[in-house]
Amino acid sequence: MQPTVAQYAAVAAATTLITGTTSAPYLLEAADLLAGHVARVDRETLPGQGHHPEPRLLANALAAAVRR
């Protein structure tokens, strides 16, 4: 059974937060997926990142997603 995009995105987000890499597949999907787990994620942006949340804002979202 192949992982879903949501599962892959969660792994990509964890990899990004732990290693600081920004080349993981589904990285933008990961940001949006995990941002959805936090009720009050500010949609702050980094230069050149468009509407995607700043990675530091995803720490609580990652913790919430992992606990599910």
N, C-alpha and C. Protein backbone atom coordinates (compact mmCIF):
# COMPACT_ATOMS: atom_id res chain seq x y z
N MET A 1 0.83 -1.18 0.00
CA MET A 1 0.00 0.00 0.00
C MET A 1 0.89 1.25 0.00
N GLN A 2 0.62 2.15 -0.92
CA GLN A 2 1.40 3.37 -1.03
C GLN A 2 0.87 4.44 -0.08
N PRO A 3 1.78 5.26 0.49
CA PRO A 3 1.31 6.32 1.38
C PRO A 3 0.51 7.37 0.62
N THR A 4 -0.41 7.99 1.32
CA THR A 4 -1.19 9.07 0.72
C THR A 4 -0.34 10.34 0.68
N VAL A 5 -0.80 11.31 -0.07
CA VAL A 5 -0.10 12.59 -0.12
C VAL A 5 -0.06 13.21 1.27
N ALA A 6 -1.15 13.07 2.03
CA ALA A 6 -1.18 13.63 3.39
C ALA A 6 -0.12 12.98 4.28
N GLN A 7 0.02 11.65 4.18
CA GLN A 7 1.03 10.96 4.98
C GLN A 7 2.43 11.39 4.54
N TYR A 8 2.64 11.46 3.24
CA TYR A 8 3.94 11.88 2.72
C TYR A 8 4.24 13.31 3.15
N ALA A 9 3.21 14.16 3.12
CA ALA A 9 3.39 15.56 3.50
C ALA A 9 3.79 15.68 4.96
N ALA A 10 3.20 14.85 5.82
CA ALA A 10 3.55 14.90 7.24
C ALA A 10 5.01 14.53 7.44
N VAL A 11 5.49 13.53 6.71
CA VAL A 11 6.90 13.14 6.80
C VAL A 11 7.79 14.25 6.25
N ALA A 12 7.37 14.85 5.14
CA ALA A 12 8.16 15.95 4.56
C ALA A 12 8.26 17.11 5.53
N ALA A 13 7.17 17.41 6.21
CA ALA A 13 7.19 18.51 7.17
C ALA A 13 8.11 18.21 8.34
N ALA A 14 8.03 16.98 8.84
CA ALA A 14 8.91 16.60 9.95
C ALA A 14 10.37 16.68 9.51
N THR A 15 10.67 16.20 8.32
CA THR A 15 12.03 16.26 7.79
C THR A 15 12.51 17.70 7.70
N THR A 16 11.65 18.57 7.24
CA THR A 16 12.00 19.98 7.09
C THR A 16 12.28 20.61 8.44
N LEU A 17 11.41 20.36 9.42
CA LEU A 17 11.59 20.95 10.74
C LEU A 17 12.84 20.44 11.43
N ILE A 18 13.15 19.16 11.22
CA ILE A 18 14.30 18.56 11.91
C ILE A 18 15.61 18.92 11.23
N THR A 19 15.65 18.83 9.90
CA THR A 19 16.91 19.00 9.18
C THR A 19 17.11 20.38 8.59
N GLY A 20 16.02 21.13 8.41
CA GLY A 20 16.13 22.44 7.80
C GLY A 20 16.16 22.41 6.28
N THR A 21 16.06 21.22 5.68
CA THR A 21 16.06 21.13 4.22
C THR A 21 14.77 21.73 3.67
N THR A 22 14.86 22.29 2.50
CA THR A 22 13.67 22.85 1.87
C THR A 22 13.40 22.20 0.52
N SER A 23 13.98 21.02 0.30
CA SER A 23 13.81 20.37 -1.00
C SER A 23 12.97 19.10 -0.92
N ALA A 24 12.31 18.86 0.20
CA ALA A 24 11.51 17.65 0.35
C ALA A 24 10.29 17.70 -0.58
N PRO A 25 9.95 16.56 -1.20
CA PRO A 25 8.73 16.54 -2.03
C PRO A 25 7.51 16.86 -1.18
N TYR A 26 6.52 17.46 -1.77
CA TYR A 26 5.27 17.80 -1.10
C TYR A 26 5.45 18.79 0.03
N LEU A 27 6.50 19.57 0.00
CA LEU A 27 6.77 20.50 1.10
C LEU A 27 5.66 21.54 1.26
N LEU A 28 5.19 22.09 0.16
CA LEU A 28 4.13 23.10 0.26
C LEU A 28 2.82 22.48 0.73
N GLU A 29 2.54 21.25 0.26
CA GLU A 29 1.36 20.53 0.73
C GLU A 29 1.47 20.25 2.22
N ALA A 30 2.69 19.93 2.67
CA ALA A 30 2.92 19.66 4.09
C ALA A 30 2.62 20.89 4.92
N ALA A 31 3.06 22.04 4.45
CA ALA A 31 2.80 23.28 5.18
C ALA A 31 1.31 23.52 5.32
N ASP A 32 0.58 23.34 4.23
CA ASP A 32 -0.86 23.57 4.28
C ASP A 32 -1.58 22.52 5.13
N LEU A 33 -1.16 21.27 5.01
CA LEU A 33 -1.78 20.19 5.78
C LEU A 33 -1.62 20.43 7.28
N LEU A 34 -0.41 20.72 7.71
CA LEU A 34 -0.16 20.89 9.13
C LEU A 34 -0.74 22.20 9.65
N ALA A 35 -0.76 23.22 8.82
CA ALA A 35 -1.37 24.48 9.25
C ALA A 35 -2.85 24.27 9.56
N GLY A 36 -3.48 23.32 8.88
CA GLY A 36 -4.88 23.03 9.13
C GLY A 36 -5.14 22.42 10.49
N HIS A 37 -4.10 21.88 11.14
CA HIS A 37 -4.26 21.28 12.46
C HIS A 37 -4.22 22.30 13.58
N VAL A 38 -3.89 23.52 13.27
CA VAL A 38 -3.80 24.56 14.29
C VAL A 38 -4.88 25.60 14.02
N ALA A 39 -5.70 25.86 15.02
CA ALA A 39 -6.83 26.76 14.82
C ALA A 39 -6.40 28.19 14.47
N ARG A 40 -5.31 28.66 15.07
CA ARG A 40 -4.92 30.06 14.88
C ARG A 40 -3.55 30.22 14.26
N VAL A 41 -3.26 29.50 13.18
CA VAL A 41 -1.98 29.68 12.52
C VAL A 41 -2.01 30.99 11.74
N ASP A 42 -1.11 31.88 12.08
CA ASP A 42 -0.99 33.12 11.31
C ASP A 42 -0.38 32.77 9.97
N ARG A 43 -0.90 33.35 8.92
CA ARG A 43 -0.36 33.07 7.60
C ARG A 43 0.80 34.02 7.28
N GLU A 44 1.77 34.04 8.20
CA GLU A 44 2.97 34.84 7.96
C GLU A 44 3.73 34.21 6.80
N THR A 45 4.48 35.02 6.11
CA THR A 45 5.22 34.50 4.98
C THR A 45 6.68 34.88 5.07
N LEU A 46 7.47 34.09 4.41
CA LEU A 46 8.88 34.40 4.24
C LEU A 46 9.04 35.05 2.87
N PRO A 47 10.07 35.85 2.67
CA PRO A 47 10.26 36.46 1.36
C PRO A 47 10.28 35.40 0.26
N GLY A 48 9.49 35.62 -0.78
CA GLY A 48 9.46 34.69 -1.90
C GLY A 48 8.65 33.43 -1.67
N GLN A 49 7.97 33.30 -0.53
CA GLN A 49 7.25 32.07 -0.23
C GLN A 49 5.75 32.16 -0.49
N GLY A 50 5.28 33.27 -1.01
CA GLY A 50 3.86 33.38 -1.31
C GLY A 50 3.00 33.28 -0.07
N HIS A 51 1.93 32.49 -0.13
CA HIS A 51 0.97 32.42 0.97
C HIS A 51 1.30 31.34 1.99
N HIS A 52 2.39 30.64 1.82
CA HIS A 52 2.68 29.51 2.71
C HIS A 52 3.22 29.99 4.05
N PRO A 53 2.81 29.34 5.14
CA PRO A 53 3.21 29.80 6.46
C PRO A 53 4.70 29.64 6.71
N GLU A 54 5.21 30.48 7.54
CA GLU A 54 6.61 30.37 7.94
C GLU A 54 6.81 29.05 8.68
N PRO A 55 7.90 28.33 8.41
CA PRO A 55 8.09 27.01 9.03
C PRO A 55 8.00 27.00 10.55
N ARG A 56 8.44 28.07 11.22
CA ARG A 56 8.39 28.06 12.70
C ARG A 56 6.97 27.97 13.21
N LEU A 57 6.00 28.39 12.40
CA LEU A 57 4.61 28.34 12.84
C LEU A 57 4.04 26.94 12.78
N LEU A 58 4.77 26.01 12.19
CA LEU A 58 4.25 24.66 12.02
C LEU A 58 4.64 23.71 13.14
N ALA A 59 5.46 24.15 14.08
CA ALA A 59 5.91 23.25 15.14
C ALA A 59 4.74 22.68 15.94
N ASN A 60 3.82 23.52 16.38
CA ASN A 60 2.66 23.04 17.13
C ASN A 60 1.76 22.19 16.26
N ALA A 61 1.63 22.56 14.99
CA ALA A 61 0.80 21.78 14.08
C ALA A 61 1.38 20.39 13.88
N LEU A 62 2.69 20.30 13.76
CA LEU A 62 3.33 19.00 13.61
C LEU A 62 3.07 18.14 14.84
N ALA A 63 3.22 18.73 16.01
CA ALA A 63 2.97 17.98 17.24
C ALA A 63 1.53 17.48 17.29
N ALA A 64 0.58 18.31 16.89
CA ALA A 64 -0.83 17.91 16.90
C ALA A 64 -1.09 16.79 15.89
N ALA A 65 -0.47 16.87 14.72
CA ALA A 65 -0.68 15.85 13.70
C ALA A 65 -0.08 14.52 14.12
N VAL A 66 1.06 14.56 14.78
CA VAL A 66 1.72 13.32 15.22
C VAL A 66 0.91 12.65 16.31
N ARG A 67 0.28 13.43 17.17
CA ARG A 67 -0.52 12.85 18.27
C ARG A 67 -1.77 12.16 17.77
N ARG A 68 -2.24 12.46 16.58
CA ARG A 68 -3.49 11.87 16.06
C ARG A 68 -3.31 10.44 15.66
